[in-house]
Amino acid sequence: MNNFIFQLAVFAFIAFSFLLLISVPVVFAYPGASAASFTKTKTTLFSGIGLWFFLVFLIGILNSFVV
């Protein structure tokens, strides 16, 4: 069961990394981007980056339980 949870976390990490790889440059290069549009998307962007770091630490913790 631990192995399945670890594999699921790694898959989620990879999928979310690809999502951020596409979405972060789009947010910064959006046509007509201004300081006002960045303040609207800032919380969503930082939440996504925080979730990415959470997945990194979760995988590191789960790695110690996988034999």
C-alpha atoms as a PDB file:
ATOM      1  CA  MET A   1       0.000   0.000   0.000  1.00  0.00           C
ATOM      2  CA  ASN A   2       2.873   2.416   0.758  1.00  0.00           C
ATOM      3  CA  ASN A   3       4.301   1.797  -2.695  1.00  0.00           C
ATOM      4  CA  PHE A   4       0.994   2.714  -4.353  1.00  0.00           C
ATOM      5  CA  ILE A   5       0.690   5.962  -2.382  1.00  0.00           C
ATOM      6  CA  PHE A   6       4.276   6.852  -3.268  1.00  0.00           C
ATOM      7  CA  GLN A   7       3.672   6.180  -6.973  1.00  0.00           C
ATOM      8  CA  LEU A   8       0.481   8.234  -6.858  1.00  0.00           C
ATOM      9  CA  ALA A   9       2.348  11.147  -5.236  1.00  0.00           C
ATOM     10  CA  VAL A  10       5.117  10.980  -7.845  1.00  0.00           C
ATOM     11  CA  PHE A  11       2.547  10.939 -10.650  1.00  0.00           C
ATOM     12  CA  ALA A  12       0.760  13.934  -9.116  1.00  0.00           C
ATOM     13  CA  PHE A  13       4.084  15.753  -8.825  1.00  0.00           C
ATOM     14  CA  ILE A  14       4.983  15.123 -12.467  1.00  0.00           C
ATOM     15  CA  ALA A  15       1.518  16.090 -13.728  1.00  0.00           C
ATOM     16  CA  PHE A  16       1.437  19.245 -11.608  1.00  0.00           C
ATOM     17  CA  SER A  17       4.963  20.169 -12.740  1.00  0.00           C
ATOM     18  CA  PHE A  18       3.852  20.028 -16.373  1.00  0.00           C
ATOM     19  CA  LEU A  19       0.820  22.126 -15.501  1.00  0.00           C
ATOM     20  CA  LEU A  20       3.021  24.775 -13.865  1.00  0.00           C
ATOM     21  CA  LEU A  21       5.492  24.582 -16.740  1.00  0.00           C
ATOM     22  CA  ILE A  22       2.748  25.736 -19.070  1.00  0.00           C
ATOM     23  CA  SER A  23       0.724  28.048 -16.832  1.00  0.00           C
ATOM     24  CA  VAL A  24       3.441  30.176 -15.199  1.00  0.00           C
ATOM     25  CA  PRO A  25       4.903  31.562 -18.448  1.00  0.00           C
ATOM     26  CA  VAL A  26       1.379  32.140 -19.755  1.00  0.00           C
ATOM     27  CA  VAL A  27       0.517  34.198 -16.674  1.00  0.00           C
ATOM     28  CA  PHE A  28       3.635  36.327 -17.051  1.00  0.00           C
ATOM     29  CA  ALA A  29       3.456  36.711 -20.848  1.00  0.00           C
ATOM     30  CA  TYR A  30      -0.276  37.267 -21.140  1.00  0.00           C
ATOM     31  CA  PRO A  31      -0.947  40.025 -23.701  1.00  0.00           C
ATOM     32  CA  GLY A  32      -1.876  43.228 -21.978  1.00  0.00           C
ATOM     33  CA  ALA A  33      -0.371  42.014 -18.732  1.00  0.00           C
ATOM     34  CA  SER A  34      -0.060  44.737 -16.184  1.00  0.00           C
ATOM     35  CA  ALA A  35       0.539  45.092 -12.490  1.00  0.00           C
ATOM     36  CA  ALA A  36      -3.224  44.915 -11.889  1.00  0.00           C
ATOM     37  CA  SER A  37      -3.606  41.590 -13.704  1.00  0.00           C
ATOM     38  CA  PHE A  38      -0.648  40.163 -11.797  1.00  0.00           C
ATOM     39  CA  THR A  39      -2.197  41.103  -8.460  1.00  0.00           C
ATOM     40  CA  LYS A  40      -5.329  39.179  -9.450  1.00  0.00           C
ATOM     41  CA  THR A  41      -3.420  36.018 -10.369  1.00  0.00           C
ATOM     42  CA  LYS A  42      -0.710  36.314  -7.713  1.00  0.00           C
ATOM     43  CA  THR A  43      -2.552  34.309  -5.043  1.00  0.00           C
ATOM     44  CA  THR A  44      -3.389  31.512  -7.490  1.00  0.00           C
ATOM     45  CA  LEU A  45       0.178  31.396  -8.741  1.00  0.00           C
ATOM     46  CA  PHE A  46       1.683  31.322  -5.254  1.00  0.00           C
ATOM     47  CA  SER A  47      -0.820  28.669  -4.153  1.00  0.00           C
ATOM     48  CA  GLY A  48       0.261  26.492  -7.059  1.00  0.00           C
ATOM     49  CA  ILE A  49       3.926  26.936  -6.202  1.00  0.00           C
ATOM     50  CA  GLY A  50       3.161  26.158  -2.550  1.00  0.00           C
ATOM     51  CA  LEU A  51       1.373  22.972  -3.581  1.00  0.00           C
ATOM     52  CA  TRP A  52       4.384  22.023  -5.708  1.00  0.00           C
ATOM     53  CA  PHE A  53       6.721  22.406  -2.706  1.00  0.00           C
ATOM     54  CA  PHE A  54       4.296  20.397  -0.569  1.00  0.00           C
ATOM     55  CA  LEU A  55       4.446  17.565  -3.107  1.00  0.00           C
ATOM     56  CA  VAL A  56       8.253  17.708  -3.096  1.00  0.00           C
ATOM     57  CA  PHE A  57       8.361  17.317   0.687  1.00  0.00           C
ATOM     58  CA  LEU A  58       5.626  14.654   0.650  1.00  0.00           C
ATOM     59  CA  ILE A  59       7.591  12.576  -1.841  1.00  0.00           C
ATOM     60  CA  GLY A  60      10.705  12.966   0.292  1.00  0.00           C
ATOM     61  CA  ILE A  61       8.862  11.753   3.378  1.00  0.00           C
ATOM     62  CA  LEU A  62       7.136   8.899   1.570  1.00  0.00           C
ATOM     63  CA  ASN A  63      10.444   7.843   0.056  1.00  0.00           C
ATOM     64  CA  SER A  64      11.689   6.823   3.498  1.00  0.00           C
ATOM     65  CA  PHE A  65       8.792   4.345   3.834  1.00  0.00           C
ATOM     66  CA  VAL A  66       9.240   2.665   0.427  1.00  0.00           C
ATOM     67  CA  VAL A  67      11.585  -0.289   0.514  1.00  0.00           C
END
